[in-house]
All heavy atoms as atom14 arrays in JSON, in Angstrom:
{
  "sequence": "AAVGEYNRSTGLEAVIGYLYLTGQYQRIDSLLKE",
  "atom14_mask": [
    [1, 1, 1, 1, 1, 0, 0, 0, 0, 0, 0, 0, 0, 0],
    [1, 1, 1, 1, 1, 0, 0, 0, 0, 0, 0, 0, 0, 0],
    [1, 1, 1, 1, 1, 1, 1, 0, 0, 0, 0, 0, 0, 0],
    [1, 1, 1, 1, 0, 0, 0, 0, 0, 0, 0, 0, 0, 0],
    [1, 1, 1, 1, 1, 1, 1, 1, 1, 0, 0, 0, 0, 0],
    [1, 1, 1, 1, 1, 1, 1, 1, 1, 1, 1, 1, 0, 0],
    [1, 1, 1, 1, 1, 1, 1, 1, 0, 0, 0, 0, 0, 0],
    [1, 1, 1, 1, 1, 1, 1, 1, 1, 1, 1, 0, 0, 0],
    [1, 1, 1, 1, 1, 1, 0, 0, 0, 0, 0, 0, 0, 0],
    [1, 1, 1, 1, 1, 1, 1, 0, 0, 0, 0, 0, 0, 0],
    [1, 1, 1, 1, 0, 0, 0, 0, 0, 0, 0, 0, 0, 0],
    [1, 1, 1, 1, 1, 1, 1, 1, 0, 0, 0, 0, 0, 0],
    [1, 1, 1, 1, 1, 1, 1, 1, 1, 0, 0, 0, 0, 0],
    [1, 1, 1, 1, 1, 0, 0, 0, 0, 0, 0, 0, 0, 0],
    [1, 1, 1, 1, 1, 1, 1, 0, 0, 0, 0, 0, 0, 0],
    [1, 1, 1, 1, 1, 1, 1, 1, 0, 0, 0, 0, 0, 0],
    [1, 1, 1, 1, 0, 0, 0, 0, 0, 0, 0, 0, 0, 0],
    [1, 1, 1, 1, 1, 1, 1, 1, 1, 1, 1, 1, 0, 0],
    [1, 1, 1, 1, 1, 1, 1, 1, 0, 0, 0, 0, 0, 0],
    [1, 1, 1, 1, 1, 1, 1, 1, 1, 1, 1, 1, 0, 0],
    [1, 1, 1, 1, 1, 1, 1, 1, 0, 0, 0, 0, 0, 0],
    [1, 1, 1, 1, 1, 1, 1, 0, 0, 0, 0, 0, 0, 0],
    [1, 1, 1, 1, 0, 0, 0, 0, 0, 0, 0, 0, 0, 0],
    [1, 1, 1, 1, 1, 1, 1, 1, 1, 0, 0, 0, 0, 0],
    [1, 1, 1, 1, 1, 1, 1, 1, 1, 1, 1, 1, 0, 0],
    [1, 1, 1, 1, 1, 1, 1, 1, 1, 0, 0, 0, 0, 0],
    [1, 1, 1, 1, 1, 1, 1, 1, 1, 1, 1, 0, 0, 0],
    [1, 1, 1, 1, 1, 1, 1, 1, 0, 0, 0, 0, 0, 0],
    [1, 1, 1, 1, 1, 1, 1, 1, 0, 0, 0, 0, 0, 0],
    [1, 1, 1, 1, 1, 1, 0, 0, 0, 0, 0, 0, 0, 0],
    [1, 1, 1, 1, 1, 1, 1, 1, 0, 0, 0, 0, 0, 0],
    [1, 1, 1, 1, 1, 1, 1, 1, 0, 0, 0, 0, 0, 0],
    [1, 1, 1, 1, 1, 1, 1, 1, 1, 0, 0, 0, 0, 0],
    [1, 1, 1, 1, 1, 1, 1, 1, 1, 0, 0, 0, 0, 0]
  ],
  "atom14_positions": [
    [[0.84, -1.2, -0.03], [0.03, 0.01, 0.0], [0.85, 1.23, 0.0], [2.03, 1.17, 0.35], [-0.92, -0.01, 1.2], [0.0, 0.0, 0.0], [0.0, 0.0, 0.0], [0.0, 0.0, 0.0], [0.0, 0.0, 0.0], [0.0, 0.0, 0.0], [0.0, 0.0, 0.0], [0.0, 0.0, 0.0], [0.0, 0.0, 0.0], [0.0, 0.0, 0.0]],
    [[0.31, 2.31, -0.34], [1.01, 3.57, -0.32], [1.16, 3.99, 1.16], [0.45, 3.51, 2.07], [0.21, 4.74, -1.02], [0.0, 0.0, 0.0], [0.0, 0.0, 0.0], [0.0, 0.0, 0.0], [0.0, 0.0, 0.0], [0.0, 0.0, 0.0], [0.0, 0.0, 0.0], [0.0, 0.0, 0.0], [0.0, 0.0, 0.0], [0.0, 0.0, 0.0]],
    [[2.15, 4.78, 1.46], [2.51, 5.17, 2.76], [1.29, 5.88, 3.43], [0.99, 5.57, 4.62], [3.74, 6.14, 2.82], [4.04, 6.71, 4.19], [5.0, 5.42, 2.32], [0.0, 0.0, 0.0], [0.0, 0.0, 0.0], [0.0, 0.0, 0.0], [0.0, 0.0, 0.0], [0.0, 0.0, 0.0], [0.0, 0.0, 0.0], [0.0, 0.0, 0.0]],
    [[0.59, 6.75, 2.72], [-0.57, 7.37, 3.27], [-1.66, 6.38, 3.71], [-2.28, 6.53, 4.7], [0.0, 0.0, 0.0], [0.0, 0.0, 0.0], [0.0, 0.0, 0.0], [0.0, 0.0, 0.0], [0.0, 0.0, 0.0], [0.0, 0.0, 0.0], [0.0, 0.0, 0.0], [0.0, 0.0, 0.0], [0.0, 0.0, 0.0], [0.0, 0.0, 0.0]],
    [[-1.89, 5.44, 2.83], [-2.82, 4.33, 3.16], [-2.49, 3.65, 4.41], [-3.28, 3.39, 5.25], [-2.99, 3.39, 2.01], [-3.73, 3.99, 0.78], [-3.61, 3.03, -0.4], [-2.67, 2.22, -0.56], [-4.62, 3.06, -1.16], [0.0, 0.0, 0.0], [0.0, 0.0, 0.0], [0.0, 0.0, 0.0], [0.0, 0.0, 0.0], [0.0, 0.0, 0.0]],
    [[-1.2, 3.22, 4.5], [-0.73, 2.52, 5.71], [-0.86, 3.4, 6.93], [-1.31, 2.92, 8.03], [0.77, 2.18, 5.45], [1.41, 1.36, 6.52], [1.02, 0.04, 6.74], [2.34, 1.89, 7.33], [1.57, -0.68, 7.79], [2.96, 1.12, 8.31], [2.57, -0.16, 8.56], [3.14, -0.89, 9.54], [0.0, 0.0, 0.0], [0.0, 0.0, 0.0]],
    [[-0.48, 4.64, 6.83], [-0.67, 5.54, 8.0], [-2.11, 5.72, 8.47], [-2.45, 5.67, 9.62], [-0.01, 6.93, 7.67], [1.48, 6.79, 7.58], [2.13, 5.88, 8.02], [2.01, 7.81, 6.9], [0.0, 0.0, 0.0], [0.0, 0.0, 0.0], [0.0, 0.0, 0.0], [0.0, 0.0, 0.0], [0.0, 0.0, 0.0], [0.0, 0.0, 0.0]],
    [[-3.04, 5.91, 7.47], [-4.41, 5.97, 7.85], [-5.01, 4.69, 8.42], [-5.72, 4.74, 9.4], [-5.24, 6.41, 6.63], [-5.14, 7.85, 6.2], [-6.19, 8.29, 5.16], [-5.89, 7.6, 3.87], [-5.0, 7.92, 3.02], [-4.21, 8.95, 3.2], [-4.88, 7.3, 1.86], [0.0, 0.0, 0.0], [0.0, 0.0, 0.0], [0.0, 0.0, 0.0]],
    [[-4.52, 3.52, 7.93], [-4.98, 2.31, 8.5], [-4.49, 2.1, 9.91], [-5.27, 1.62, 10.82], [-4.6, 1.07, 7.63], [-3.23, 0.85, 7.73], [0.0, 0.0, 0.0], [0.0, 0.0, 0.0], [0.0, 0.0, 0.0], [0.0, 0.0, 0.0], [0.0, 0.0, 0.0], [0.0, 0.0, 0.0], [0.0, 0.0, 0.0], [0.0, 0.0, 0.0]],
    [[-3.32, 2.58, 10.21], [-2.73, 2.53, 11.54], [-3.61, 3.42, 12.45], [-3.88, 3.06, 13.62], [-1.3, 2.93, 11.66], [-0.56, 1.99, 10.7], [-0.75, 2.82, 13.02], [0.0, 0.0, 0.0], [0.0, 0.0, 0.0], [0.0, 0.0, 0.0], [0.0, 0.0, 0.0], [0.0, 0.0, 0.0], [0.0, 0.0, 0.0], [0.0, 0.0, 0.0]],
    [[-3.95, 4.56, 12.0], [-4.85, 5.51, 12.74], [-6.18, 4.83, 13.06], [-6.65, 4.9, 14.21], [0.0, 0.0, 0.0], [0.0, 0.0, 0.0], [0.0, 0.0, 0.0], [0.0, 0.0, 0.0], [0.0, 0.0, 0.0], [0.0, 0.0, 0.0], [0.0, 0.0, 0.0], [0.0, 0.0, 0.0], [0.0, 0.0, 0.0], [0.0, 0.0, 0.0]],
    [[-6.81, 4.17, 12.05], [-8.1, 3.54, 12.3], [-7.89, 2.42, 13.34], [-8.72, 2.28, 14.24], [-8.6, 2.89, 11.07], [-9.86, 2.11, 11.1], [-11.02, 2.95, 11.65], [-10.24, 1.47, 9.8], [0.0, 0.0, 0.0], [0.0, 0.0, 0.0], [0.0, 0.0, 0.0], [0.0, 0.0, 0.0], [0.0, 0.0, 0.0], [0.0, 0.0, 0.0]],
    [[-6.87, 1.61, 13.17], [-6.59, 0.54, 14.14], [-6.36, 1.06, 15.55], [-6.85, 0.43, 16.5], [-5.43, -0.34, 13.68], [-5.65, -1.15, 12.43], [-4.35, -1.7, 11.84], [-3.27, -1.34, 12.32], [-4.5, -2.6, 11.03], [0.0, 0.0, 0.0], [0.0, 0.0, 0.0], [0.0, 0.0, 0.0], [0.0, 0.0, 0.0], [0.0, 0.0, 0.0]],
    [[-5.7, 2.2, 15.73], [-5.55, 2.78, 16.97], [-6.86, 3.13, 17.64], [-7.13, 3.0, 18.82], [-4.66, 4.01, 16.95], [0.0, 0.0, 0.0], [0.0, 0.0, 0.0], [0.0, 0.0, 0.0], [0.0, 0.0, 0.0], [0.0, 0.0, 0.0], [0.0, 0.0, 0.0], [0.0, 0.0, 0.0], [0.0, 0.0, 0.0], [0.0, 0.0, 0.0]],
    [[-7.79, 3.69, 16.89], [-9.12, 4.06, 17.39], [-9.78, 2.82, 17.83], [-10.38, 2.75, 18.96], [-9.92, 4.85, 16.3], [-11.37, 5.0, 16.76], [-9.35, 6.2, 16.06], [0.0, 0.0, 0.0], [0.0, 0.0, 0.0], [0.0, 0.0, 0.0], [0.0, 0.0, 0.0], [0.0, 0.0, 0.0], [0.0, 0.0, 0.0], [0.0, 0.0, 0.0]],
    [[-9.74, 1.75, 17.05], [-10.55, 0.54, 17.37], [-9.86, -0.15, 18.62], [-10.56, -0.61, 19.55], [-10.49, -0.45, 16.21], [-11.34, 0.12, 15.0], [-11.03, -1.82, 16.63], [-11.19, -0.64, 13.7], [0.0, 0.0, 0.0], [0.0, 0.0, 0.0], [0.0, 0.0, 0.0], [0.0, 0.0, 0.0], [0.0, 0.0, 0.0], [0.0, 0.0, 0.0]],
    [[-8.55, -0.05, 18.72], [-7.89, -0.65, 19.89], [-8.24, 0.17, 21.17], [-8.48, -0.41, 22.19], [0.0, 0.0, 0.0], [0.0, 0.0, 0.0], [0.0, 0.0, 0.0], [0.0, 0.0, 0.0], [0.0, 0.0, 0.0], [0.0, 0.0, 0.0], [0.0, 0.0, 0.0], [0.0, 0.0, 0.0], [0.0, 0.0, 0.0], [0.0, 0.0, 0.0]],
    [[-8.33, 1.5, 21.03], [-8.71, 2.32, 22.21], [-10.04, 2.03, 22.58], [-10.36, 1.79, 23.78], [-8.66, 3.77, 21.81], [-9.18, 4.75, 22.85], [-8.51, 5.01, 23.98], [-10.47, 5.2, 22.68], [-8.97, 5.92, 24.85], [-11.02, 6.09, 23.63], [-10.3, 6.41, 24.76], [-10.82, 7.18, 25.7], [0.0, 0.0, 0.0], [0.0, 0.0, 0.0]],
    [[-11.01, 1.9, 21.66], [-12.42, 1.67, 22.04], [-12.47, 0.25, 22.59], [-13.3, 0.07, 23.56], [-13.29, 1.79, 20.76], [-13.43, 3.16, 20.19], [-14.21, 3.06, 18.88], [-14.1, 4.1, 21.13], [0.0, 0.0, 0.0], [0.0, 0.0, 0.0], [0.0, 0.0, 0.0], [0.0, 0.0, 0.0], [0.0, 0.0, 0.0], [0.0, 0.0, 0.0]],
    [[-11.89, -0.75, 22.12], [-11.86, -2.08, 22.67], [-11.4, -2.1, 24.1], [-11.98, -2.65, 24.99], [-11.08, -2.98, 21.72], [-11.02, -4.4, 22.38], [-12.12, -5.27, 22.36], [-9.86, -4.83, 23.08], [-12.01, -6.5, 23.01], [-9.76, -6.04, 23.72], [-10.87, -6.83, 23.6], [-10.81, -8.07, 24.26], [0.0, 0.0, 0.0], [0.0, 0.0, 0.0]],
    [[-10.17, -1.51, 24.32], [-9.51, -1.55, 25.67], [-10.39, -0.88, 26.68], [-10.37, -1.23, 27.86], [-8.18, -1.0, 25.61], [-7.12, -1.86, 24.84], [-5.82, -1.01, 24.71], [-6.87, -3.18, 25.52], [0.0, 0.0, 0.0], [0.0, 0.0, 0.0], [0.0, 0.0, 0.0], [0.0, 0.0, 0.0], [0.0, 0.0, 0.0], [0.0, 0.0, 0.0]],
    [[-11.09, 0.15, 26.23], [-12.0, 0.89, 27.23], [-13.45, 0.34, 27.29], [-14.28, 0.96, 27.92], [-11.97, 2.41, 26.87], [-12.45, 2.61, 25.47], [-10.62, 3.0, 26.97], [0.0, 0.0, 0.0], [0.0, 0.0, 0.0], [0.0, 0.0, 0.0], [0.0, 0.0, 0.0], [0.0, 0.0, 0.0], [0.0, 0.0, 0.0], [0.0, 0.0, 0.0]],
    [[-13.6, -0.73, 26.55], [-14.89, -1.42, 26.77], [-16.14, -0.85, 25.93], [-17.26, -1.11, 26.19], [0.0, 0.0, 0.0], [0.0, 0.0, 0.0], [0.0, 0.0, 0.0], [0.0, 0.0, 0.0], [0.0, 0.0, 0.0], [0.0, 0.0, 0.0], [0.0, 0.0, 0.0], [0.0, 0.0, 0.0], [0.0, 0.0, 0.0], [0.0, 0.0, 0.0]],
    [[-15.73, 0.01, 24.95], [-16.77, 0.65, 24.17], [-17.13, -0.12, 22.88], [-17.04, 0.21, 21.76], [-16.25, 2.08, 23.78], [-15.99, 2.96, 24.91], [-15.52, 4.27, 24.48], [-16.25, 5.02, 23.8], [-14.33, 4.64, 24.94], [0.0, 0.0, 0.0], [0.0, 0.0, 0.0], [0.0, 0.0, 0.0], [0.0, 0.0, 0.0], [0.0, 0.0, 0.0]],
    [[-17.59, -1.4, 23.19], [-17.9, -2.35, 22.09], [-19.02, -1.85, 21.13], [-19.02, -2.09, 19.97], [-18.32, -3.72, 22.67], [-17.27, -4.25, 23.58], [-17.67, -4.87, 24.75], [-15.92, -4.14, 23.34], [-16.73, -5.41, 25.6], [-14.97, -4.66, 24.17], [-15.38, -5.27, 25.36], [-14.4, -5.73, 26.23], [0.0, 0.0, 0.0], [0.0, 0.0, 0.0]],
    [[-20.11, -1.3, 21.71], [-21.18, -0.77, 20.94], [-20.72, 0.33, 19.85], [-21.18, 0.38, 18.79], [-22.33, -0.25, 21.78], [-23.07, -1.33, 22.41], [-24.3, -0.86, 23.19], [-24.28, 0.28, 23.69], [-25.32, -1.67, 23.33], [0.0, 0.0, 0.0], [0.0, 0.0, 0.0], [0.0, 0.0, 0.0], [0.0, 0.0, 0.0], [0.0, 0.0, 0.0]],
    [[-19.77, 1.09, 20.4], [-19.24, 2.1, 19.56], [-18.44, 1.57, 18.38], [-18.55, 1.92, 17.22], [-18.36, 3.15, 20.33], [-17.75, 4.24, 19.48], [-18.85, 5.19, 18.89], [-18.12, 6.19, 18.17], [-18.61, 6.9, 17.19], [-19.88, 6.61, 16.79], [-18.02, 7.75, 16.54], [0.0, 0.0, 0.0], [0.0, 0.0, 0.0], [0.0, 0.0, 0.0]],
    [[-17.62, 0.49, 18.64], [-16.92, -0.22, 17.64], [-17.84, -0.78, 16.63], [-17.75, -0.54, 15.35], [-16.09, -1.37, 18.21], [-14.98, -0.92, 19.12], [-15.51, -2.22, 16.99], [-14.29, -2.05, 19.84], [0.0, 0.0, 0.0], [0.0, 0.0, 0.0], [0.0, 0.0, 0.0], [0.0, 0.0, 0.0], [0.0, 0.0, 0.0], [0.0, 0.0, 0.0]],
    [[-18.93, -1.41, 17.09], [-19.91, -1.96, 16.25], [-20.58, -0.93, 15.33], [-20.74, -1.15, 14.15], [-20.95, -2.76, 17.02], [-21.7, -3.82, 16.23], [-21.05, -4.51, 15.43], [-22.89, -3.9, 16.41], [0.0, 0.0, 0.0], [0.0, 0.0, 0.0], [0.0, 0.0, 0.0], [0.0, 0.0, 0.0], [0.0, 0.0, 0.0], [0.0, 0.0, 0.0]],
    [[-21.01, 0.18, 15.95], [-21.72, 1.25, 15.12], [-20.72, 1.84, 14.11], [-21.21, 2.15, 12.97], [-22.34, 2.39, 16.08], [-21.3, 3.12, 16.57], [0.0, 0.0, 0.0], [0.0, 0.0, 0.0], [0.0, 0.0, 0.0], [0.0, 0.0, 0.0], [0.0, 0.0, 0.0], [0.0, 0.0, 0.0], [0.0, 0.0, 0.0], [0.0, 0.0, 0.0]],
    [[-19.46, 1.97, 14.43], [-18.54, 2.51, 13.36], [-18.3, 1.53, 12.31], [-18.37, 1.84, 11.01], [-17.23, 2.88, 14.09], [-17.18, 4.12, 14.86], [-15.84, 4.26, 15.57], [-17.45, 5.4, 14.02], [0.0, 0.0, 0.0], [0.0, 0.0, 0.0], [0.0, 0.0, 0.0], [0.0, 0.0, 0.0], [0.0, 0.0, 0.0], [0.0, 0.0, 0.0]],
    [[-18.07, 0.23, 12.65], [-17.71, -0.76, 11.65], [-18.92, -1.19, 10.8], [-18.67, -1.73, 9.76], [-17.06, -1.94, 12.33], [-15.66, -1.58, 13.0], [-14.97, -2.91, 13.51], [-14.72, -0.9, 12.0], [0.0, 0.0, 0.0], [0.0, 0.0, 0.0], [0.0, 0.0, 0.0], [0.0, 0.0, 0.0], [0.0, 0.0, 0.0], [0.0, 0.0, 0.0]],
    [[-20.09, -0.94, 11.3], [-21.3, -1.24, 10.48], [-21.29, -0.37, 9.21], [-21.95, -0.7, 8.26], [-22.56, -1.13, 11.28], [-22.82, -2.33, 12.19], [-24.16, -2.18, 12.77], [-24.29, -3.51, 13.66], [-25.55, -3.53, 14.35], [0.0, 0.0, 0.0], [0.0, 0.0, 0.0], [0.0, 0.0, 0.0], [0.0, 0.0, 0.0], [0.0, 0.0, 0.0]],
    [[-20.61, 0.75, 9.25], [-20.42, 1.64, 8.07], [-19.82, 0.91, 6.92], [-20.13, 1.14, 5.84], [-19.66, 2.86, 8.44], [-20.29, 3.87, 9.27], [-21.55, 4.48, 8.62], [-21.42, 4.86, 7.43], [-22.54, 4.52, 9.23], [0.0, 0.0, 0.0], [0.0, 0.0, 0.0], [0.0, 0.0, 0.0], [0.0, 0.0, 0.0], [0.0, 0.0, 0.0]]
  ]
}
């Protein structure tokens, strides 16, 4: 992937990791249903 794509994907993964670790499962689900 291009560097920009890789960087954005890492940003998305960081958000999902944060939400998971803090127990915000419904928020993960509502975002990923997009």
